[in-house]
Every structure is written in C-alpha cells, then in structure tokens.
N, C-alpha and C. Protein backbone atom coordinates (compact mmCIF):
# COMPACT_ATOMS: atom_id res chain seq x y z
N MET A 1 201.28 188.28 94.05
CA MET A 1 200.41 187.98 95.11
C MET A 1 200.26 189.16 96.06
N ASN A 2 199.11 189.36 96.47
CA ASN A 2 198.85 190.48 97.39
C ASN A 2 199.05 190.03 98.84
N PRO A 3 199.75 190.86 99.61
CA PRO A 3 199.91 190.50 101.01
C PRO A 3 198.55 190.58 101.72
N ALA A 4 198.34 189.75 102.68
CA ALA A 4 197.07 189.71 103.41
C ALA A 4 196.95 190.96 104.30
N ILE A 5 195.84 191.59 104.16
CA ILE A 5 195.57 192.76 104.99
C ILE A 5 194.71 192.30 106.17
N THR A 6 195.16 192.56 107.37
CA THR A 6 194.39 192.14 108.54
C THR A 6 193.53 193.31 109.02
N LEU A 7 192.29 193.08 109.03
CA LEU A 7 191.34 194.09 109.51
C LEU A 7 191.06 193.83 110.98
N PRO A 8 190.86 194.88 111.76
CA PRO A 8 190.53 194.66 113.17
C PRO A 8 189.21 193.90 113.26
N ASP A 9 189.13 193.08 114.24
CA ASP A 9 187.94 192.27 114.44
C ASP A 9 186.75 193.18 114.73
N ALA A 10 185.73 193.12 113.94
CA ALA A 10 184.56 194.00 114.09
C ALA A 10 183.81 193.71 115.37
N SER A 11 183.76 192.45 115.76
CA SER A 11 183.01 192.12 116.97
C SER A 11 183.71 192.66 118.22
N ALA A 12 185.04 192.69 118.25
CA ALA A 12 185.77 193.24 119.40
C ALA A 12 185.53 194.75 119.50
N SER A 13 185.48 195.40 118.34
CA SER A 13 185.21 196.84 118.32
C SER A 13 183.80 197.13 118.84
N ARG A 14 182.83 196.33 118.43
CA ARG A 14 181.46 196.52 118.90
C ARG A 14 181.35 196.26 120.40
N ARG A 15 182.06 195.26 120.90
CA ARG A 15 182.05 194.96 122.33
C ARG A 15 182.59 196.14 123.14
N ARG A 16 183.71 196.71 122.69
CA ARG A 16 184.29 197.87 123.38
C ARG A 16 183.31 199.04 123.39
N ARG A 17 182.68 199.29 122.25
CA ARG A 17 181.72 200.37 122.13
C ARG A 17 180.50 200.11 123.03
N GLY A 18 180.04 198.86 123.09
CA GLY A 18 178.92 198.49 123.96
C GLY A 18 179.25 198.69 125.42
N ARG A 19 180.46 198.31 125.83
CA ARG A 19 180.88 198.49 127.22
C ARG A 19 180.96 199.97 127.57
N LEU A 20 181.48 200.76 126.66
CA LEU A 20 181.56 202.20 126.87
C LEU A 20 180.17 202.80 127.02
N GLN A 21 179.22 202.35 126.20
CA GLN A 21 177.85 202.85 126.31
C GLN A 21 177.24 202.46 127.65
N LEU A 22 177.49 201.22 128.10
CA LEU A 22 176.97 200.77 129.38
C LEU A 22 177.53 201.61 130.52
N VAL A 23 178.83 201.87 130.49
CA VAL A 23 179.45 202.71 131.53
C VAL A 23 178.86 204.11 131.51
N MET A 24 178.63 204.67 130.34
CA MET A 24 178.05 206.01 130.23
C MET A 24 176.62 206.04 130.78
N ILE A 25 175.82 205.03 130.46
CA ILE A 25 174.44 204.97 130.96
C ILE A 25 174.44 204.87 132.48
N LEU A 26 175.28 204.02 133.04
CA LEU A 26 175.37 203.89 134.50
C LEU A 26 175.82 205.19 135.15
N ALA A 27 176.77 205.88 134.52
CA ALA A 27 177.24 207.16 135.06
C ALA A 27 176.13 208.19 135.05
N VAL A 28 175.32 208.20 134.00
CA VAL A 28 174.22 209.17 133.91
C VAL A 28 173.14 208.86 134.93
N VAL A 29 172.89 207.58 135.20
CA VAL A 29 171.83 207.20 136.13
C VAL A 29 172.30 207.27 137.58
N ILE A 30 173.44 206.70 137.87
CA ILE A 30 173.91 206.60 139.26
C ILE A 30 174.68 207.84 139.70
N GLY A 31 175.34 208.50 138.80
CA GLY A 31 176.15 209.68 139.14
C GLY A 31 175.39 210.75 139.89
N PRO A 32 174.22 211.19 139.41
CA PRO A 32 173.49 212.22 140.16
C PRO A 32 173.07 211.79 141.56
N MET A 33 172.74 210.50 141.71
CA MET A 33 172.36 210.02 143.05
C MET A 33 173.56 210.08 144.00
N ILE A 34 174.72 209.71 143.52
CA ILE A 34 175.92 209.76 144.35
C ILE A 34 176.27 211.22 144.68
N LEU A 35 176.16 212.09 143.68
CA LEU A 35 176.44 213.51 143.90
C LEU A 35 175.47 214.11 144.91
N ALA A 36 174.17 213.81 144.77
CA ALA A 36 173.17 214.35 145.70
C ALA A 36 173.41 213.83 147.11
N SER A 37 173.74 212.57 147.25
CA SER A 37 174.02 212.01 148.57
C SER A 37 175.23 212.68 149.19
N ALA A 38 176.26 212.90 148.41
CA ALA A 38 177.46 213.57 148.92
C ALA A 38 177.15 215.00 149.31
N MET A 39 176.35 215.70 148.50
CA MET A 39 175.97 217.09 148.82
C MET A 39 175.21 217.14 150.14
N TYR A 40 174.31 216.19 150.35
CA TYR A 40 173.54 216.15 151.60
C TYR A 40 174.44 215.81 152.78
N GLN A 41 175.29 214.81 152.61
CA GLN A 41 176.13 214.35 153.70
C GLN A 41 177.15 215.40 154.13
N TRP A 42 177.84 216.01 153.17
CA TRP A 42 178.92 216.94 153.50
C TRP A 42 178.55 218.41 153.31
N ARG A 43 177.29 218.69 152.99
CA ARG A 43 176.76 220.06 152.90
C ARG A 43 177.58 220.97 152.00
N PHE A 44 177.86 220.55 150.77
CA PHE A 44 178.52 221.43 149.83
C PHE A 44 177.58 221.68 148.65
N TRP A 45 177.73 222.79 148.01
CA TRP A 45 176.89 223.26 146.90
C TRP A 45 175.42 223.37 147.29
N VAL A 46 175.16 223.60 148.55
CA VAL A 46 173.78 223.76 149.01
C VAL A 46 173.40 225.22 148.79
N PRO A 47 172.28 225.48 148.13
CA PRO A 47 171.90 226.87 147.86
C PRO A 47 171.66 227.64 149.16
N GLU A 48 172.05 228.89 149.15
CA GLU A 48 171.87 229.74 150.33
C GLU A 48 170.47 230.36 150.37
N THR A 49 169.82 230.43 149.24
CA THR A 49 168.47 231.00 149.22
C THR A 49 167.48 229.96 149.68
N ARG A 50 166.34 230.41 150.15
CA ARG A 50 165.31 229.49 150.61
C ARG A 50 163.95 230.08 150.31
N SER A 51 162.96 229.23 150.27
CA SER A 51 161.62 229.68 149.94
C SER A 51 160.67 229.57 151.14
N TYR A 52 161.20 229.34 152.32
CA TYR A 52 160.37 229.22 153.52
C TYR A 52 160.80 230.29 154.52
N HIS A 53 159.93 230.55 155.48
CA HIS A 53 160.17 231.65 156.41
C HIS A 53 160.59 231.22 157.81
N GLY A 54 160.29 229.99 158.19
CA GLY A 54 160.63 229.51 159.52
C GLY A 54 162.00 228.87 159.54
N GLU A 55 162.30 228.21 160.66
CA GLU A 55 163.55 227.48 160.78
C GLU A 55 163.30 226.04 160.39
N LEU A 56 164.00 225.55 159.38
CA LEU A 56 163.82 224.19 158.88
C LEU A 56 164.39 223.19 159.88
N ILE A 57 163.58 222.19 160.21
CA ILE A 57 164.02 221.12 161.11
C ILE A 57 164.28 219.91 160.21
N GLY A 58 165.52 219.67 159.89
CA GLY A 58 165.85 218.61 158.96
C GLY A 58 166.60 217.46 159.59
N ASN A 59 166.43 217.27 160.89
CA ASN A 59 167.21 216.23 161.56
C ASN A 59 166.38 215.01 161.94
N GLY A 60 165.17 214.91 161.45
CA GLY A 60 164.34 213.73 161.71
C GLY A 60 163.63 213.72 163.05
N GLN A 61 163.59 214.86 163.75
CA GLN A 61 162.90 214.92 165.03
C GLN A 61 161.40 214.75 164.83
N THR A 62 160.76 214.13 165.82
CA THR A 62 159.32 213.96 165.79
C THR A 62 158.68 214.69 166.96
N ARG A 63 157.35 214.68 166.98
CA ARG A 63 156.63 215.26 168.12
C ARG A 63 157.04 214.58 169.42
N ALA A 64 157.18 213.26 169.38
CA ALA A 64 157.56 212.51 170.59
C ALA A 64 158.95 212.92 171.07
N ASP A 65 159.88 213.16 170.15
CA ASP A 65 161.22 213.62 170.52
C ASP A 65 161.17 214.99 171.19
N LEU A 66 160.16 215.76 170.87
CA LEU A 66 159.99 217.09 171.44
C LEU A 66 159.42 217.02 172.85
N GLY A 67 158.86 215.87 173.23
CA GLY A 67 158.29 215.70 174.56
C GLY A 67 156.78 215.82 174.58
N VAL A 68 156.14 215.77 173.40
CA VAL A 68 154.69 215.85 173.32
C VAL A 68 154.14 214.44 173.47
N SER A 69 153.29 214.24 174.47
CA SER A 69 152.73 212.91 174.70
C SER A 69 151.25 212.89 174.36
N GLY A 70 150.81 211.76 173.83
CA GLY A 70 149.40 211.57 173.51
C GLY A 70 148.98 212.03 172.14
N ALA A 71 149.90 212.51 171.32
CA ALA A 71 149.54 213.01 169.98
C ALA A 71 149.40 211.85 169.02
N GLN A 72 148.24 211.74 168.38
CA GLN A 72 147.97 210.68 167.41
C GLN A 72 147.51 211.25 166.07
N GLU A 73 147.72 212.52 165.85
CA GLU A 73 147.23 213.21 164.65
C GLU A 73 147.87 212.65 163.39
N VAL A 74 147.05 212.43 162.36
CA VAL A 74 147.55 211.92 161.08
C VAL A 74 147.33 212.94 159.96
N ARG A 75 147.24 214.18 160.33
CA ARG A 75 147.16 215.28 159.36
C ARG A 75 148.32 216.23 159.62
N TRP A 76 148.49 217.20 158.74
CA TRP A 76 149.45 218.27 159.01
C TRP A 76 148.96 219.00 160.25
N GLN A 77 149.90 219.50 161.04
CA GLN A 77 149.49 220.12 162.29
C GLN A 77 150.29 221.38 162.58
N LEU A 78 149.59 222.38 163.08
CA LEU A 78 150.20 223.59 163.61
C LEU A 78 150.24 223.41 165.12
N LEU A 79 151.41 223.11 165.66
CA LEU A 79 151.56 222.76 167.06
C LEU A 79 152.24 223.91 167.81
N VAL A 80 151.56 224.42 168.82
CA VAL A 80 152.13 225.46 169.68
C VAL A 80 152.66 224.76 170.93
N THR A 81 153.93 225.03 171.25
CA THR A 81 154.52 224.45 172.47
C THR A 81 154.94 225.57 173.41
N VAL A 82 154.77 225.30 174.70
CA VAL A 82 155.22 226.24 175.72
C VAL A 82 155.66 225.44 176.94
N ALA A 83 156.90 225.67 177.36
CA ALA A 83 157.46 224.91 178.48
C ALA A 83 157.03 225.49 179.83
N GLY A 84 156.69 226.74 179.85
CA GLY A 84 156.29 227.39 181.10
C GLY A 84 154.80 227.70 181.10
N VAL A 85 154.48 228.82 181.70
CA VAL A 85 153.10 229.29 181.74
C VAL A 85 152.72 229.84 180.38
N CYS A 86 151.49 229.61 179.96
CA CYS A 86 151.02 230.13 178.67
C CYS A 86 150.78 231.63 178.83
N ASP A 87 151.78 232.41 178.41
CA ASP A 87 151.73 233.87 178.55
C ASP A 87 151.10 234.50 177.30
N ALA A 88 151.29 235.79 177.14
CA ALA A 88 150.69 236.51 176.01
C ALA A 88 151.21 236.00 174.67
N ASP A 89 152.51 235.66 174.58
CA ASP A 89 153.05 235.13 173.33
C ASP A 89 152.43 233.78 172.99
N CYS A 90 152.27 232.95 173.99
CA CYS A 90 151.64 231.65 173.79
C CYS A 90 150.20 231.82 173.29
N LYS A 91 149.46 232.70 173.93
CA LYS A 91 148.07 232.93 173.53
C LYS A 91 148.00 233.49 172.11
N GLN A 92 148.94 234.35 171.77
CA GLN A 92 148.98 234.90 170.42
C GLN A 92 149.23 233.80 169.39
N LEU A 93 150.17 232.88 169.70
CA LEU A 93 150.46 231.78 168.76
C LEU A 93 149.29 230.81 168.64
N VAL A 94 148.58 230.55 169.74
CA VAL A 94 147.39 229.68 169.68
C VAL A 94 146.34 230.32 168.77
N PHE A 95 146.12 231.61 168.94
CA PHE A 95 145.18 232.33 168.08
C PHE A 95 145.64 232.30 166.63
N LEU A 96 146.93 232.55 166.42
CA LEU A 96 147.50 232.56 165.07
C LEU A 96 147.37 231.19 164.40
N ALA A 97 147.61 230.12 165.17
CA ALA A 97 147.48 228.76 164.62
C ALA A 97 146.05 228.50 164.14
N ARG A 98 145.09 228.95 164.92
CA ARG A 98 143.69 228.76 164.50
C ARG A 98 143.38 229.59 163.26
N GLN A 99 143.85 230.82 163.21
CA GLN A 99 143.59 231.67 162.05
C GLN A 99 144.24 231.09 160.78
N ILE A 100 145.45 230.56 160.92
CA ILE A 100 146.13 229.94 159.78
C ILE A 100 145.34 228.72 159.33
N HIS A 101 144.88 227.93 160.29
CA HIS A 101 144.09 226.74 159.95
C HIS A 101 142.83 227.14 159.18
N ILE A 102 142.15 228.17 159.64
CA ILE A 102 140.96 228.66 158.94
C ILE A 102 141.34 229.20 157.56
N GLY A 103 142.50 229.87 157.46
CA GLY A 103 142.95 230.47 156.20
C GLY A 103 143.31 229.46 155.12
N LEU A 104 143.39 228.19 155.47
CA LEU A 104 143.70 227.17 154.46
C LEU A 104 142.54 226.93 153.51
N ASN A 105 141.36 227.44 153.85
CA ASN A 105 140.16 227.32 153.02
C ASN A 105 139.87 225.87 152.67
N ARG A 106 139.98 225.48 151.42
CA ARG A 106 139.59 224.12 151.00
C ARG A 106 140.51 223.04 151.55
N ASP A 107 141.70 223.41 152.01
CA ASP A 107 142.63 222.43 152.58
C ASP A 107 142.53 222.34 154.10
N THR A 108 141.50 222.95 154.69
CA THR A 108 141.35 222.94 156.13
C THR A 108 141.27 221.52 156.69
N ALA A 109 140.66 220.61 155.97
CA ALA A 109 140.52 219.23 156.44
C ALA A 109 141.85 218.49 156.46
N ARG A 110 142.85 219.00 155.76
CA ARG A 110 144.16 218.34 155.72
C ARG A 110 145.06 218.74 156.88
N ALA A 111 144.60 219.67 157.73
CA ALA A 111 145.45 220.16 158.81
C ALA A 111 144.65 220.31 160.10
N SER A 112 145.35 220.53 161.18
CA SER A 112 144.72 220.78 162.47
C SER A 112 145.64 221.72 163.26
N HIS A 113 145.17 222.15 164.41
CA HIS A 113 145.99 222.98 165.29
C HIS A 113 145.92 222.42 166.69
N ALA A 114 147.04 222.61 167.45
CA ALA A 114 147.13 221.99 168.77
C ALA A 114 147.99 222.84 169.69
N LEU A 115 147.85 222.56 170.98
CA LEU A 115 148.65 223.22 172.01
C LEU A 115 149.24 222.14 172.91
N ALA A 116 150.55 222.18 173.11
CA ALA A 116 151.23 221.29 174.05
C ALA A 116 151.87 222.15 175.12
N SER A 117 151.41 221.99 176.35
CA SER A 117 151.94 222.82 177.43
C SER A 117 152.43 221.93 178.58
N ALA A 118 153.46 222.41 179.25
CA ALA A 118 154.03 221.66 180.36
C ALA A 118 153.27 221.91 181.65
N GLN A 119 152.70 223.09 181.78
CA GLN A 119 151.97 223.44 182.99
C GLN A 119 150.49 223.58 182.66
N PRO A 120 149.63 223.33 183.65
CA PRO A 120 148.19 223.50 183.41
C PRO A 120 147.87 224.95 183.06
N LEU A 121 146.87 225.12 182.22
CA LEU A 121 146.46 226.47 181.81
C LEU A 121 145.63 227.12 182.92
N ALA A 122 145.64 228.43 182.93
CA ALA A 122 144.79 229.17 183.87
C ALA A 122 143.33 228.82 183.60
N ASP A 123 142.52 228.77 184.65
CA ASP A 123 141.13 228.33 184.51
C ASP A 123 140.34 229.17 183.51
N ASP A 124 140.52 230.50 183.56
CA ASP A 124 139.76 231.34 182.64
C ASP A 124 140.20 231.12 181.19
N TYR A 125 141.51 230.93 180.95
CA TYR A 125 141.98 230.69 179.59
C TYR A 125 141.57 229.29 179.11
N ASP A 126 141.59 228.33 180.02
CA ASP A 126 141.15 226.98 179.69
C ASP A 126 139.68 226.99 179.26
N ALA A 127 138.85 227.72 180.00
CA ALA A 127 137.43 227.83 179.65
C ALA A 127 137.25 228.53 178.31
N LEU A 128 138.04 229.56 178.07
CA LEU A 128 137.97 230.28 176.79
C LEU A 128 138.32 229.35 175.63
N LEU A 129 139.38 228.55 175.80
CA LEU A 129 139.77 227.63 174.73
C LEU A 129 138.69 226.59 174.46
N ARG A 130 138.08 226.07 175.50
CA ARG A 130 137.00 225.07 175.31
C ARG A 130 135.81 225.68 174.58
N ARG A 131 135.53 226.94 174.86
CA ARG A 131 134.38 227.61 174.27
C ARG A 131 134.69 228.14 172.86
N GLU A 132 135.80 228.84 172.68
CA GLU A 132 136.11 229.53 171.43
C GLU A 132 136.95 228.70 170.45
N PHE A 133 137.68 227.70 170.93
CA PHE A 133 138.58 226.90 170.09
C PHE A 133 138.23 225.41 170.23
N PRO A 134 137.04 225.00 169.84
CA PRO A 134 136.62 223.61 170.07
C PRO A 134 137.45 222.58 169.30
N GLN A 135 138.08 222.96 168.21
CA GLN A 135 138.86 222.01 167.42
C GLN A 135 140.32 221.92 167.87
N LEU A 136 140.72 222.73 168.83
CA LEU A 136 142.10 222.75 169.31
C LEU A 136 142.39 221.47 170.09
N SER A 137 143.36 220.70 169.62
CA SER A 137 143.81 219.51 170.35
C SER A 137 144.80 219.97 171.42
N ARG A 138 144.78 219.30 172.56
CA ARG A 138 145.69 219.69 173.64
C ARG A 138 146.46 218.48 174.12
N TYR A 139 147.75 218.69 174.34
CA TYR A 139 148.64 217.61 174.74
C TYR A 139 149.49 218.05 175.93
N ARG A 140 150.05 217.06 176.57
CA ARG A 140 150.99 217.29 177.68
C ARG A 140 152.39 217.37 177.11
N LEU A 141 153.18 218.31 177.61
CA LEU A 141 154.56 218.51 177.18
C LEU A 141 155.49 218.20 178.35
N GLU A 142 156.46 217.30 178.11
CA GLU A 142 157.45 216.97 179.13
C GLU A 142 158.56 218.03 179.09
N PRO A 143 158.68 218.88 180.12
CA PRO A 143 159.63 219.99 180.06
C PRO A 143 161.09 219.57 179.94
N ARG A 144 161.48 218.47 180.59
CA ARG A 144 162.88 218.02 180.52
C ARG A 144 163.23 217.57 179.11
N VAL A 145 162.37 216.77 178.50
CA VAL A 145 162.60 216.30 177.12
C VAL A 145 162.58 217.47 176.16
N TYR A 146 161.65 218.39 176.37
CA TYR A 146 161.53 219.57 175.51
C TYR A 146 162.80 220.42 175.58
N ALA A 147 163.32 220.61 176.78
CA ALA A 147 164.53 221.43 176.95
C ALA A 147 165.72 220.80 176.25
N GLU A 148 165.81 219.47 176.27
CA GLU A 148 166.92 218.78 175.63
C GLU A 148 166.82 218.81 174.10
N SER A 149 165.61 218.62 173.59
CA SER A 149 165.46 218.48 172.13
C SER A 149 165.23 219.80 171.41
N ALA A 150 164.60 220.76 172.05
CA ALA A 150 164.30 222.03 171.38
C ALA A 150 165.51 222.96 171.35
N GLY A 151 166.51 222.64 172.14
CA GLY A 151 167.71 223.47 172.13
C GLY A 151 167.53 224.74 172.93
N LYS A 152 168.04 225.84 172.38
CA LYS A 152 168.05 227.11 173.10
C LYS A 152 166.85 227.99 172.79
N VAL A 153 165.75 227.39 172.33
CA VAL A 153 164.57 228.21 172.05
C VAL A 153 163.93 228.63 173.37
N GLU A 154 163.43 229.84 173.37
CA GLU A 154 162.80 230.38 174.57
C GLU A 154 161.38 230.82 174.23
N GLY A 155 160.51 230.66 175.19
CA GLY A 155 159.14 231.09 175.01
C GLY A 155 158.33 230.13 174.15
N ALA A 156 157.15 230.56 173.81
CA ALA A 156 156.25 229.74 173.01
C ALA A 156 156.77 229.62 171.58
N GLN A 157 156.57 228.46 170.99
CA GLN A 157 157.00 228.18 169.62
C GLN A 157 155.84 227.58 168.84
N LEU A 158 155.81 227.83 167.55
CA LEU A 158 154.83 227.20 166.67
C LEU A 158 155.60 226.30 165.71
N TRP A 159 155.17 225.05 165.60
CA TRP A 159 155.83 224.06 164.77
C TRP A 159 154.86 223.59 163.70
N ILE A 160 155.34 223.37 162.50
CA ILE A 160 154.56 222.66 161.48
C ILE A 160 155.02 221.22 161.53
N VAL A 161 154.06 220.32 161.72
CA VAL A 161 154.35 218.89 161.87
C VAL A 161 153.66 218.15 160.73
N ASP A 162 154.38 217.23 160.08
CA ASP A 162 153.78 216.48 158.97
C ASP A 162 152.91 215.34 159.49
N PRO A 163 152.13 214.67 158.62
CA PRO A 163 151.22 213.60 159.06
C PRO A 163 151.91 212.41 159.72
N HIS A 164 153.21 212.24 159.51
CA HIS A 164 153.93 211.15 160.16
C HIS A 164 154.47 211.56 161.53
N GLY A 165 154.23 212.80 161.93
CA GLY A 165 154.69 213.29 163.22
C GLY A 165 156.07 213.94 163.19
N ASN A 166 156.64 214.12 162.00
CA ASN A 166 157.97 214.73 161.88
C ASN A 166 157.87 216.25 161.95
N LEU A 167 158.80 216.87 162.66
CA LEU A 167 158.84 218.33 162.73
C LEU A 167 159.43 218.85 161.43
N VAL A 168 158.77 219.85 160.83
CA VAL A 168 159.21 220.37 159.54
C VAL A 168 159.77 221.78 159.69
N LEU A 169 159.00 222.70 160.24
CA LEU A 169 159.42 224.10 160.41
C LEU A 169 159.08 224.58 161.81
N ARG A 170 159.86 225.55 162.30
CA ARG A 170 159.62 226.15 163.62
C ARG A 170 159.57 227.66 163.48
N TYR A 171 158.66 228.27 164.24
CA TYR A 171 158.50 229.73 164.25
C TYR A 171 158.43 230.20 165.69
N ASP A 172 158.92 231.41 165.93
CA ASP A 172 158.78 231.98 167.27
C ASP A 172 157.59 232.93 167.29
N SER A 173 157.39 233.60 168.40
CA SER A 173 156.21 234.44 168.57
C SER A 173 156.24 235.71 167.72
N ARG A 174 157.39 236.06 167.15
CA ARG A 174 157.48 237.25 166.31
C ARG A 174 157.13 236.98 164.85
N SER A 175 156.87 235.74 164.51
CA SER A 175 156.61 235.37 163.11
C SER A 175 155.28 235.91 162.63
N GLN A 176 155.24 236.19 161.34
CA GLN A 176 154.03 236.73 160.70
C GLN A 176 153.12 235.59 160.24
N GLY A 177 151.84 235.73 160.49
CA GLY A 177 150.87 234.70 160.13
C GLY A 177 150.83 234.43 158.64
N LYS A 178 150.95 235.46 157.83
CA LYS A 178 150.91 235.30 156.37
C LYS A 178 152.07 234.44 155.88
N ALA A 179 153.25 234.63 156.46
CA ALA A 179 154.42 233.84 156.08
C ALA A 179 154.22 232.37 156.44
N ILE A 180 153.69 232.11 157.63
CA ILE A 180 153.45 230.73 158.06
C ILE A 180 152.39 230.09 157.18
N LEU A 181 151.33 230.82 156.88
CA LEU A 181 150.28 230.31 156.01
C LEU A 181 150.84 229.97 154.62
N ASN A 182 151.68 230.83 154.07
CA ASN A 182 152.28 230.55 152.76
C ASN A 182 153.15 229.30 152.81
N ASP A 183 153.93 229.15 153.88
CA ASP A 183 154.76 227.95 154.02
C ASP A 183 153.90 226.69 154.09
N LEU A 184 152.84 226.73 154.88
CA LEU A 184 151.98 225.55 155.02
C LEU A 184 151.26 225.24 153.72
N ARG A 185 150.79 226.26 153.03
CA ARG A 185 150.14 226.04 151.72
C ARG A 185 151.11 225.39 150.74
N HIS A 186 152.36 225.86 150.74
CA HIS A 186 153.36 225.28 149.85
C HIS A 186 153.61 223.81 150.20
N LEU A 187 153.71 223.50 151.49
CA LEU A 187 153.91 222.12 151.91
C LEU A 187 152.73 221.24 151.51
N LEU A 188 151.51 221.74 151.69
CA LEU A 188 150.34 220.96 151.31
C LEU A 188 150.27 220.75 149.81
N LYS A 189 150.73 221.73 149.05
CA LYS A 189 150.70 221.64 147.60
C LYS A 189 151.65 220.55 147.10
N ILE A 190 152.85 220.49 147.66
CA ILE A 190 153.84 219.54 147.16
C ILE A 190 153.76 218.18 147.88
N SER A 191 152.95 218.09 148.92
CA SER A 191 152.89 216.87 149.72
C SER A 191 152.02 215.81 149.08
N GLN A 192 152.47 214.58 149.15
CA GLN A 192 151.69 213.44 148.68
C GLN A 192 151.03 212.72 149.85
N ILE A 193 151.25 213.23 151.07
CA ILE A 193 150.67 212.61 152.26
C ILE A 193 149.76 213.61 152.96
N GLY A 194 148.85 213.12 153.71
CA GLY A 194 147.97 213.97 154.49
C GLY A 194 147.10 214.78 153.65
C-alpha cells in the first residue's frame, strides 16, 4: 500500500498569491501619493533647479490677502503693487506689465494688467494712464495688510495672479520683461483655467 501523499491545498496557495497581488497593486497606486505628500510636507527630495524666474508664492496667498480691494478679475493678471508713491520703478513695472500683456499675442484675452496703489497717483500720471493705458485696471491697496503679507519686499512689485486670485510669482523692479513673459506663457500653456 502506498502512503498517502498530502498536497498543499491549491485554493489556499491561490488566496495567498491573490492577497500579495492586491497588496502590490495598492502599494503601486497609493505609495507614490503618500511619498509625494511627504515630500511636500517635509520638503525633502525637492529639486533645486527651477524653470521660472520670479519668486514662487506657494503658500496659498490671494490678492485679498495682499490687501488689494475691489479686484474681481477672472483671468490671469499682471498686478503691480506699490505701498508708497508710484515712483520711477512703479511706472516702469506698469509699462512692463502692459508690454508683457501685449506680447502674449493670441493669449492676450486670457490675461490682463492692473495697478494697486496705496496712495493716489499724481494727476499728470493718472491722466497719462487713462489716456495711454485704457485697459489697465486700478485697485486700492491697504498698506497695513500689504506690509504684513508681502513681508520684507520694498518698492514696487509685479505679481502674476491666477484666475482664482491666487498669487503665483513675484518680481521686483529689476526683473527682465522677457523672463516674466516666458513665465506667463508657460503658465498659460499648462493651465486648464483662465
């Protein structure tokens, strides 16, 4: 008589293999999301290189947080802010914002340009803006709120604002127009909004 040979249960083996496959699929799907969240939260393995020229504003600030009142724009916006008198740097950035807006060519309708100032503009400059910059939106800037939220920035600043009112990039008066235009074109290219 032959002794009985016990074979492992095939269904138990298949169940173990199925569970292992399920765990592997979940690890492949959920693992990258957990890793990306951890990288964002604790800022590790973040690349040092960047493809933009301004200062990235990644903290969820909006135009309202900056102290800009009355802004209802639902397009991308080149916003010039000045807490004091609109000096030569401010005027240069207002001009630059308009030139960048014009330089967008076929995407001009997707963006606008604006000026937010805390103090009233000089009468001659105000008249010039009304005559030469008819599409320039103008807003009131609360200097106390601006000082708290903008940090240690000094002088006139140019901000790229998304259609939801979120601040995306910031530039000072020394920034090159071509670099800002390239950044805005890149944002418009990858954007699904505005």
